[in-house]
Amino acid sequence: MKNKNVLLIAILSIITLFQNCTNDEIILNEDYITVTDLISYCSNAPCYKPVEWDGKEVKVKGHIDYYSFYLDFSYQSYSLEKFRLKDIRNGYFIEVYFSSNDTAIINKILSSNETDMCYIKGIVKSWEMITMYDCTLESKILINSTDDIYFENKYTKFK
């Protein structure tokens, strides 16, 4: 009987936690959210309909996908307009765009470490992902200057 009560309490706790996890609780420009949270907040929107998050300011944190960054950087002959910000916990990523060949942003990324957490403040924009059978809105982030991106390494103490 005691095991059944513990199991019932555990199940009720899990149900309560899932009810509290809704997309309505995310405020895009209040605190830095993870890439996964942003993707889930902006996902499953149908094409050809306006969404409330398009054009809003967002604060998001993740890690630079350096493999993709260096691949794009070398492929495009040292001209880069975007990079991927990823959630290393699950591999989800979002593309971050900046003005064409902004060398200050590129240098800032190149001077960071792979373990650094990247914090970005930008504008979330929608774009249509069209497949053979469906069309959904996806999101990307636009940043304007080097002030919109910074890095922090919690494992290294700076002097």
N, C-alpha and C. Protein backbone atom coordinates (compact mmCIF):
# COMPACT_ATOMS: atom_id res chain seq x y z
N MET A 1 0.82 -1.19 0.00
CA MET A 1 0.00 0.00 0.00
C MET A 1 0.87 1.27 0.00
N LYS A 2 1.97 1.20 0.75
CA LYS A 2 2.86 2.35 0.84
C LYS A 2 3.50 2.64 -0.52
N ASN A 3 3.88 1.59 -1.26
CA ASN A 3 4.48 1.78 -2.58
C ASN A 3 3.49 2.38 -3.57
N LYS A 4 2.21 2.03 -3.45
CA LYS A 4 1.20 2.59 -4.34
C LYS A 4 1.01 4.08 -4.10
N ASN A 5 1.06 4.48 -2.83
CA ASN A 5 0.93 5.90 -2.50
C ASN A 5 2.11 6.70 -3.04
N VAL A 6 3.30 6.17 -2.92
CA VAL A 6 4.49 6.84 -3.43
C VAL A 6 4.41 6.95 -4.94
N LEU A 7 3.98 5.89 -5.61
CA LEU A 7 3.84 5.91 -7.06
C LEU A 7 2.77 6.92 -7.48
N LEU A 8 1.66 6.98 -6.78
CA LEU A 8 0.60 7.94 -7.10
C LEU A 8 1.09 9.38 -6.94
N ILE A 9 1.83 9.64 -5.87
CA ILE A 9 2.37 10.98 -5.64
C ILE A 9 3.36 11.34 -6.74
N ALA A 10 4.21 10.40 -7.15
CA ALA A 10 5.18 10.66 -8.21
C ALA A 10 4.47 10.97 -9.53
N ILE A 11 3.44 10.20 -9.85
CA ILE A 11 2.71 10.43 -11.10
C ILE A 11 2.02 11.78 -11.08
N LEU A 12 1.38 12.15 -9.98
CA LEU A 12 0.72 13.45 -9.87
C LEU A 12 1.72 14.60 -9.96
N SER A 13 2.91 14.40 -9.38
CA SER A 13 3.94 15.44 -9.46
C SER A 13 4.39 15.65 -10.89
N ILE A 14 4.58 14.57 -11.63
CA ILE A 14 5.01 14.68 -13.02
C ILE A 14 3.94 15.37 -13.85
N ILE A 15 2.68 15.01 -13.65
CA ILE A 15 1.59 15.65 -14.39
C ILE A 15 1.54 17.14 -14.08
N THR A 16 1.71 17.50 -12.83
CA THR A 16 1.70 18.91 -12.44
C THR A 16 2.86 19.67 -13.09
N LEU A 17 4.04 19.06 -13.13
CA LEU A 17 5.18 19.71 -13.76
C LEU A 17 4.94 19.94 -15.24
N PHE A 18 4.38 18.96 -15.95
CA PHE A 18 4.14 19.12 -17.38
C PHE A 18 3.07 20.16 -17.65
N GLN A 19 2.11 20.32 -16.78
CA GLN A 19 1.10 21.35 -16.97
C GLN A 19 1.69 22.74 -16.81
N ASN A 20 2.71 22.87 -15.98
CA ASN A 20 3.33 24.17 -15.75
C ASN A 20 4.31 24.55 -16.85
N CYS A 21 4.73 23.61 -17.67
CA CYS A 21 5.69 23.89 -18.74
C CYS A 21 4.95 24.21 -20.02
N THR A 22 4.60 25.47 -20.18
CA THR A 22 3.92 25.88 -21.41
C THR A 22 4.73 26.97 -22.07
N ASN A 23 4.50 27.18 -23.36
CA ASN A 23 5.21 28.21 -24.10
C ASN A 23 4.82 29.61 -23.67
N ASP A 24 3.68 29.76 -23.02
CA ASP A 24 3.23 31.08 -22.61
C ASP A 24 4.12 31.69 -21.54
N GLU A 25 4.90 30.87 -20.84
CA GLU A 25 5.73 31.38 -19.76
C GLU A 25 7.01 32.02 -20.25
N ILE A 26 7.39 31.79 -21.48
CA ILE A 26 8.63 32.33 -22.02
C ILE A 26 8.41 33.78 -22.44
N ILE A 27 9.26 34.65 -21.93
CA ILE A 27 9.26 36.05 -22.36
C ILE A 27 10.58 36.25 -23.08
N LEU A 28 10.49 36.56 -24.39
CA LEU A 28 11.66 36.53 -25.24
C LEU A 28 12.77 37.49 -24.84
N ASN A 29 12.45 38.70 -24.41
CA ASN A 29 13.51 39.68 -24.18
C ASN A 29 13.77 39.95 -22.70
N GLU A 30 13.25 39.11 -21.82
CA GLU A 30 13.43 39.36 -20.40
C GLU A 30 14.72 38.75 -19.85
N ASP A 31 14.94 37.48 -20.13
CA ASP A 31 16.12 36.80 -19.65
C ASP A 31 16.64 35.90 -20.76
N TYR A 32 17.88 35.50 -20.70
CA TYR A 32 18.46 34.66 -21.73
C TYR A 32 17.87 33.26 -21.64
N ILE A 33 17.25 32.82 -22.72
CA ILE A 33 16.67 31.49 -22.79
C ILE A 33 17.57 30.60 -23.63
N THR A 34 17.39 29.30 -23.52
CA THR A 34 18.21 28.37 -24.28
C THR A 34 17.72 28.29 -25.72
N VAL A 35 18.58 27.79 -26.57
CA VAL A 35 18.23 27.60 -27.98
C VAL A 35 17.02 26.66 -28.08
N THR A 36 17.01 25.60 -27.30
CA THR A 36 15.90 24.65 -27.32
C THR A 36 14.59 25.31 -26.94
N ASP A 37 14.61 26.16 -25.91
CA ASP A 37 13.39 26.87 -25.51
C ASP A 37 12.88 27.78 -26.62
N LEU A 38 13.79 28.47 -27.29
CA LEU A 38 13.38 29.35 -28.38
C LEU A 38 12.79 28.55 -29.54
N ILE A 39 13.43 27.46 -29.89
CA ILE A 39 12.93 26.64 -30.99
C ILE A 39 11.55 26.07 -30.66
N SER A 40 11.37 25.59 -29.44
CA SER A 40 10.05 25.03 -29.08
C SER A 40 8.99 26.12 -29.00
N TYR A 41 9.38 27.32 -28.59
CA TYR A 41 8.43 28.43 -28.54
C TYR A 41 7.98 28.84 -29.93
N CYS A 42 8.89 28.81 -30.89
CA CYS A 42 8.60 29.28 -32.24
C CYS A 42 8.23 28.16 -33.20
N SER A 43 8.15 26.93 -32.73
CA SER A 43 7.93 25.82 -33.66
C SER A 43 6.46 25.59 -33.96
N ASN A 44 6.25 24.82 -35.00
CA ASN A 44 4.92 24.36 -35.42
C ASN A 44 3.98 25.49 -35.81
N ALA A 45 4.50 26.57 -36.26
CA ALA A 45 3.64 27.65 -36.76
C ALA A 45 3.37 27.39 -38.25
N PRO A 46 2.13 27.47 -38.67
CA PRO A 46 1.84 27.25 -40.09
C PRO A 46 2.28 28.44 -40.94
N CYS A 47 2.59 28.15 -42.18
CA CYS A 47 2.98 29.21 -43.12
C CYS A 47 1.78 30.10 -43.44
N TYR A 48 2.10 31.26 -43.98
CA TYR A 48 1.11 32.20 -44.50
C TYR A 48 0.20 32.80 -43.42
N LYS A 49 0.59 32.66 -42.16
CA LYS A 49 -0.15 33.30 -41.07
C LYS A 49 0.85 34.05 -40.21
N PRO A 50 0.50 35.24 -39.77
CA PRO A 50 1.44 35.99 -38.92
C PRO A 50 1.59 35.34 -37.55
N VAL A 51 2.77 35.46 -36.97
CA VAL A 51 3.03 34.94 -35.63
C VAL A 51 3.46 36.10 -34.74
N GLU A 52 3.16 36.00 -33.46
CA GLU A 52 3.41 37.11 -32.55
C GLU A 52 4.89 37.31 -32.26
N TRP A 53 5.71 36.31 -32.46
CA TRP A 53 7.13 36.43 -32.13
C TRP A 53 7.97 37.02 -33.24
N ASP A 54 7.45 37.13 -34.44
CA ASP A 54 8.23 37.63 -35.57
C ASP A 54 8.56 39.12 -35.36
N GLY A 55 9.84 39.46 -35.42
CA GLY A 55 10.28 40.84 -35.26
C GLY A 55 10.49 41.27 -33.82
N LYS A 56 10.35 40.36 -32.86
CA LYS A 56 10.53 40.70 -31.44
C LYS A 56 11.99 40.54 -31.04
N GLU A 57 12.38 41.30 -30.03
CA GLU A 57 13.72 41.16 -29.48
C GLU A 57 13.80 39.89 -28.66
N VAL A 58 14.92 39.19 -28.76
CA VAL A 58 15.10 37.94 -28.05
C VAL A 58 16.50 37.92 -27.43
N LYS A 59 16.60 37.26 -26.30
CA LYS A 59 17.89 37.01 -25.66
C LYS A 59 18.03 35.49 -25.57
N VAL A 60 19.07 34.97 -26.18
CA VAL A 60 19.24 33.52 -26.24
C VAL A 60 20.68 33.16 -25.93
N LYS A 61 20.87 32.00 -25.33
CA LYS A 61 22.22 31.54 -24.99
C LYS A 61 22.44 30.13 -25.53
N GLY A 62 23.67 29.87 -25.87
CA GLY A 62 24.06 28.56 -26.39
C GLY A 62 25.56 28.57 -26.67
N HIS A 63 26.00 27.63 -27.46
CA HIS A 63 27.41 27.52 -27.83
C HIS A 63 27.54 27.66 -29.34
N ILE A 64 28.61 28.28 -29.77
CA ILE A 64 28.89 28.40 -31.19
C ILE A 64 29.18 27.01 -31.75
N ASP A 65 28.58 26.69 -32.87
CA ASP A 65 28.89 25.45 -33.57
C ASP A 65 30.15 25.72 -34.40
N TYR A 66 31.31 25.53 -33.78
CA TYR A 66 32.57 25.90 -34.41
C TYR A 66 32.86 25.09 -35.66
N TYR A 67 32.44 23.83 -35.70
CA TYR A 67 32.65 23.03 -36.89
C TYR A 67 31.95 23.68 -38.08
N SER A 68 30.69 24.03 -37.90
CA SER A 68 29.93 24.69 -38.96
C SER A 68 30.53 26.05 -39.28
N PHE A 69 30.96 26.76 -38.25
CA PHE A 69 31.52 28.10 -38.44
C PHE A 69 32.77 28.05 -39.31
N TYR A 70 33.71 27.19 -38.98
CA TYR A 70 34.95 27.11 -39.75
C TYR A 70 34.71 26.56 -41.15
N LEU A 71 33.76 25.64 -41.28
CA LEU A 71 33.43 25.10 -42.59
C LEU A 71 32.86 26.20 -43.48
N ASP A 72 31.90 26.97 -42.98
CA ASP A 72 31.33 28.07 -43.74
C ASP A 72 32.37 29.14 -44.01
N PHE A 73 33.21 29.41 -43.02
CA PHE A 73 34.22 30.46 -43.13
C PHE A 73 35.21 30.15 -44.24
N SER A 74 35.68 28.91 -44.28
CA SER A 74 36.66 28.56 -45.31
C SER A 74 35.99 28.38 -46.67
N TYR A 75 34.79 27.86 -46.69
CA TYR A 75 34.09 27.62 -47.96
C TYR A 75 33.74 28.93 -48.66
N GLN A 76 33.38 29.94 -47.89
CA GLN A 76 32.94 31.21 -48.47
C GLN A 76 34.10 32.19 -48.62
N SER A 77 35.31 31.70 -48.66
CA SER A 77 36.50 32.54 -48.86
C SER A 77 36.56 33.70 -47.86
N TYR A 78 36.44 33.36 -46.61
CA TYR A 78 36.55 34.34 -45.53
C TYR A 78 35.46 35.41 -45.58
N SER A 79 34.34 35.07 -46.11
CA SER A 79 33.18 35.96 -46.09
C SER A 79 32.05 35.19 -45.42
N LEU A 80 31.58 35.71 -44.34
CA LEU A 80 30.60 34.98 -43.55
C LEU A 80 29.46 35.91 -43.16
N GLU A 81 28.25 35.43 -43.20
CA GLU A 81 27.09 36.22 -42.84
C GLU A 81 26.25 35.57 -41.76
N LYS A 82 26.59 34.35 -41.35
CA LYS A 82 25.80 33.66 -40.34
C LYS A 82 26.66 32.64 -39.62
N PHE A 83 26.14 32.18 -38.49
CA PHE A 83 26.74 31.07 -37.77
C PHE A 83 25.61 30.35 -37.04
N ARG A 84 25.93 29.20 -36.51
CA ARG A 84 24.93 28.42 -35.78
C ARG A 84 25.20 28.52 -34.28
N LEU A 85 24.13 28.75 -33.55
CA LEU A 85 24.18 28.72 -32.09
C LEU A 85 23.45 27.45 -31.68
N LYS A 86 24.11 26.60 -30.90
CA LYS A 86 23.49 25.32 -30.59
C LYS A 86 23.38 25.08 -29.10
N ASP A 87 22.46 24.19 -28.79
CA ASP A 87 22.28 23.70 -27.43
C ASP A 87 23.05 22.38 -27.37
N ILE A 88 24.16 22.36 -26.64
CA ILE A 88 25.02 21.18 -26.64
C ILE A 88 24.37 20.00 -25.91
N ARG A 89 23.29 20.24 -25.19
CA ARG A 89 22.62 19.15 -24.49
C ARG A 89 21.91 18.21 -25.45
N ASN A 90 21.40 18.75 -26.58
CA ASN A 90 20.62 17.91 -27.48
C ASN A 90 20.94 18.14 -28.96
N GLY A 91 21.82 19.09 -29.28
CA GLY A 91 22.22 19.32 -30.66
C GLY A 91 21.31 20.25 -31.45
N TYR A 92 20.24 20.77 -30.85
CA TYR A 92 19.38 21.72 -31.56
C TYR A 92 20.19 22.99 -31.83
N PHE A 93 19.91 23.62 -32.96
CA PHE A 93 20.63 24.85 -33.28
C PHE A 93 19.69 25.82 -33.98
N ILE A 94 20.11 27.09 -33.94
CA ILE A 94 19.41 28.15 -34.65
C ILE A 94 20.47 28.97 -35.38
N GLU A 95 20.12 29.46 -36.54
CA GLU A 95 21.06 30.26 -37.30
C GLU A 95 20.98 31.72 -36.87
N VAL A 96 22.14 32.33 -36.74
CA VAL A 96 22.25 33.73 -36.34
C VAL A 96 22.89 34.47 -37.50
N TYR A 97 22.22 35.49 -38.00
CA TYR A 97 22.69 36.27 -39.15
C TYR A 97 23.17 37.64 -38.69
N PHE A 98 24.16 38.17 -39.39
CA PHE A 98 24.63 39.52 -39.14
C PHE A 98 24.94 40.18 -40.46
N SER A 99 25.22 41.46 -40.40
CA SER A 99 25.47 42.20 -41.65
C SER A 99 26.63 41.57 -42.40
N SER A 100 26.58 41.67 -43.68
CA SER A 100 27.51 40.99 -44.57
C SER A 100 28.97 41.24 -44.18
N ASN A 101 29.68 40.14 -43.95
CA ASN A 101 31.11 40.16 -43.68
C ASN A 101 31.49 41.14 -42.58
N ASP A 102 30.82 41.09 -41.47
CA ASP A 102 31.11 41.94 -40.32
C ASP A 102 32.34 41.37 -39.61
N THR A 103 33.50 41.91 -39.92
CA THR A 103 34.75 41.36 -39.40
C THR A 103 34.87 41.49 -37.89
N ALA A 104 34.22 42.49 -37.29
CA ALA A 104 34.29 42.64 -35.83
C ALA A 104 33.60 41.47 -35.14
N ILE A 105 32.45 41.06 -35.65
CA ILE A 105 31.74 39.91 -35.07
C ILE A 105 32.53 38.63 -35.32
N ILE A 106 33.05 38.47 -36.52
CA ILE A 106 33.84 37.28 -36.84
C ILE A 106 35.06 37.19 -35.93
N ASN A 107 35.76 38.30 -35.73
CA ASN A 107 36.93 38.31 -34.84
C ASN A 107 36.55 38.01 -33.40
N LYS A 108 35.40 38.49 -32.97
CA LYS A 108 34.95 38.22 -31.61
C LYS A 108 34.68 36.73 -31.43
N ILE A 109 34.07 36.11 -32.43
CA ILE A 109 33.81 34.67 -32.36
C ILE A 109 35.12 33.89 -32.40
N LEU A 110 36.03 34.28 -33.26
CA LEU A 110 37.31 33.58 -33.37
C LEU A 110 38.16 33.71 -32.11
N SER A 111 37.99 34.78 -31.36
CA SER A 111 38.78 34.96 -30.14
C SER A 111 38.17 34.26 -28.93
N SER A 112 36.99 33.70 -29.09
CA SER A 112 36.35 32.99 -27.97
C SER A 112 36.83 31.54 -27.93
N ASN A 113 36.51 30.88 -26.83
CA ASN A 113 36.86 29.46 -26.67
C ASN A 113 35.64 28.60 -26.96
N GLU A 114 35.89 27.37 -27.34
CA GLU A 114 34.80 26.46 -27.67
C GLU A 114 33.91 26.17 -26.47
N THR A 115 34.45 26.27 -25.28
CA THR A 115 33.67 25.99 -24.07
C THR A 115 32.88 27.19 -23.57
N ASP A 116 33.10 28.36 -24.16
CA ASP A 116 32.41 29.57 -23.71
C ASP A 116 30.92 29.53 -24.03
N MET A 117 30.13 29.98 -23.09
CA MET A 117 28.71 30.17 -23.34
C MET A 117 28.55 31.48 -24.11
N CYS A 118 27.77 31.45 -25.18
CA CYS A 118 27.55 32.62 -26.02
C CYS A 118 26.18 33.20 -25.71
N TYR A 119 26.13 34.48 -25.45
CA TYR A 119 24.88 35.18 -25.16
C TYR A 119 24.61 36.16 -26.31
N ILE A 120 23.42 36.06 -26.87
CA ILE A 120 23.07 36.88 -28.03
C ILE A 120 21.78 37.64 -27.75
N LYS A 121 21.80 38.92 -28.13
CA LYS A 121 20.59 39.73 -28.10
C LYS A 121 20.33 40.14 -29.54
N GLY A 122 19.15 39.82 -30.04
CA GLY A 122 18.85 40.13 -31.44
C GLY A 122 17.36 40.14 -31.70
N ILE A 123 17.03 40.13 -32.96
CA ILE A 123 15.64 40.13 -33.40
C ILE A 123 15.35 38.75 -33.99
N VAL A 124 14.28 38.12 -33.52
CA VAL A 124 13.90 36.82 -34.07
C VAL A 124 13.00 37.06 -35.28
N LYS A 125 13.34 36.41 -36.38
CA LYS A 125 12.60 36.56 -37.63
C LYS A 125 12.12 35.18 -38.09
N SER A 126 11.02 35.18 -38.79
CA SER A 126 10.49 33.92 -39.31
C SER A 126 10.90 33.74 -40.76
N TRP A 127 10.98 32.49 -41.17
CA TRP A 127 11.19 32.15 -42.57
C TRP A 127 10.46 30.84 -42.84
N GLU A 128 10.05 30.67 -44.09
CA GLU A 128 9.22 29.52 -44.45
C GLU A 128 10.09 28.32 -44.82
N MET A 129 9.83 27.21 -44.15
CA MET A 129 10.50 25.95 -44.44
C MET A 129 9.52 25.11 -45.24
N ILE A 130 9.78 25.01 -46.54
CA ILE A 130 8.85 24.32 -47.43
C ILE A 130 9.44 22.96 -47.80
N THR A 131 8.65 21.93 -47.57
CA THR A 131 9.02 20.59 -47.99
C THR A 131 8.02 20.13 -49.03
N MET A 132 8.14 18.91 -49.48
CA MET A 132 7.22 18.40 -50.50
C MET A 132 5.78 18.38 -50.01
N TYR A 133 5.60 18.15 -48.72
CA TYR A 133 4.25 17.93 -48.20
C TYR A 133 3.76 19.00 -47.24
N ASP A 134 4.63 19.86 -46.79
CA ASP A 134 4.23 20.76 -45.72
C ASP A 134 5.02 22.07 -45.79
N CYS A 135 4.52 23.06 -45.11
CA CYS A 135 5.20 24.33 -44.98
C CYS A 135 5.03 24.79 -43.53
N THR A 136 6.13 25.05 -42.85
CA THR A 136 6.08 25.56 -41.48
C THR A 136 7.00 26.76 -41.38
N LEU A 137 6.75 27.59 -40.39
CA LEU A 137 7.62 28.73 -40.12
C LEU A 137 8.73 28.30 -39.17
N GLU A 138 9.93 28.65 -39.51
CA GLU A 138 11.09 28.43 -38.66
C GLU A 138 11.58 29.80 -38.22
N SER A 139 12.52 29.81 -37.28
CA SER A 139 13.02 31.09 -36.79
C SER A 139 14.53 31.21 -37.00
N LYS A 140 14.98 32.45 -37.10
CA LYS A 140 16.40 32.78 -37.15
C LYS A 140 16.57 34.08 -36.36
N ILE A 141 17.81 34.40 -36.02
CA ILE A 141 18.09 35.60 -35.23
C ILE A 141 18.96 36.54 -36.05
N LEU A 142 18.64 37.82 -35.98
CA LEU A 142 19.44 38.86 -36.63
C LEU A 142 20.11 39.70 -35.56
N ILE A 143 21.43 39.91 -35.69
CA ILE A 143 22.14 40.80 -34.77
C ILE A 143 22.76 41.92 -35.59
N ASN A 144 22.96 43.07 -34.94
CA ASN A 144 23.42 44.26 -35.64
C ASN A 144 24.86 44.65 -35.36
N SER A 145 25.37 44.32 -34.17
CA SER A 145 26.72 44.79 -33.83
C SER A 145 27.39 43.83 -32.86
N THR A 146 28.65 44.11 -32.58
CA THR A 146 29.39 43.27 -31.64
C THR A 146 28.85 43.39 -30.21
N ASP A 147 28.12 44.46 -29.93
CA ASP A 147 27.52 44.61 -28.60
C ASP A 147 26.40 43.61 -28.37
N ASP A 148 25.88 43.01 -29.44
CA ASP A 148 24.77 42.06 -29.33
C ASP A 148 25.23 40.64 -29.02
N ILE A 149 26.52 40.44 -28.92
CA ILE A 149 27.05 39.10 -28.66
C ILE A 149 28.18 39.19 -27.64
N TYR A 150 28.13 38.31 -26.63
CA TYR A 150 29.26 38.23 -25.71
C TYR A 150 29.41 36.80 -25.22
N PHE A 151 30.59 36.51 -24.70
CA PHE A 151 30.94 35.16 -24.27
C PHE A 151 31.29 35.16 -22.80
N GLU A 152 31.01 34.04 -22.16
CA GLU A 152 31.35 33.90 -20.75
C GLU A 152 31.80 32.47 -20.52
N ASN A 153 32.91 32.33 -19.81
CA ASN A 153 33.41 31.01 -19.45
C ASN A 153 33.37 30.92 -17.94
N LYS A 154 32.46 30.13 -17.42
CA LYS A 154 32.31 30.00 -15.98
C LYS A 154 33.35 29.10 -15.35
N TYR A 155 34.14 28.41 -16.18
CA TYR A 155 35.12 27.46 -15.68
C TYR A 155 36.51 28.03 -15.60
N THR A 156 36.73 29.21 -16.14
CA THR A 156 38.05 29.84 -16.11
C THR A 156 37.92 31.19 -15.42
N LYS A 157 38.83 31.46 -14.52
CA LYS A 157 38.83 32.75 -13.84
C LYS A 157 39.74 33.71 -14.59
N PHE A 158 39.19 34.86 -14.91
CA PHE A 158 39.96 35.88 -15.63
C PHE A 158 40.61 36.81 -14.63
N LYS A 159 41.80 37.28 -14.96
CA LYS A 159 42.51 38.21 -14.06
C LYS A 159 42.23 39.62 -14.45
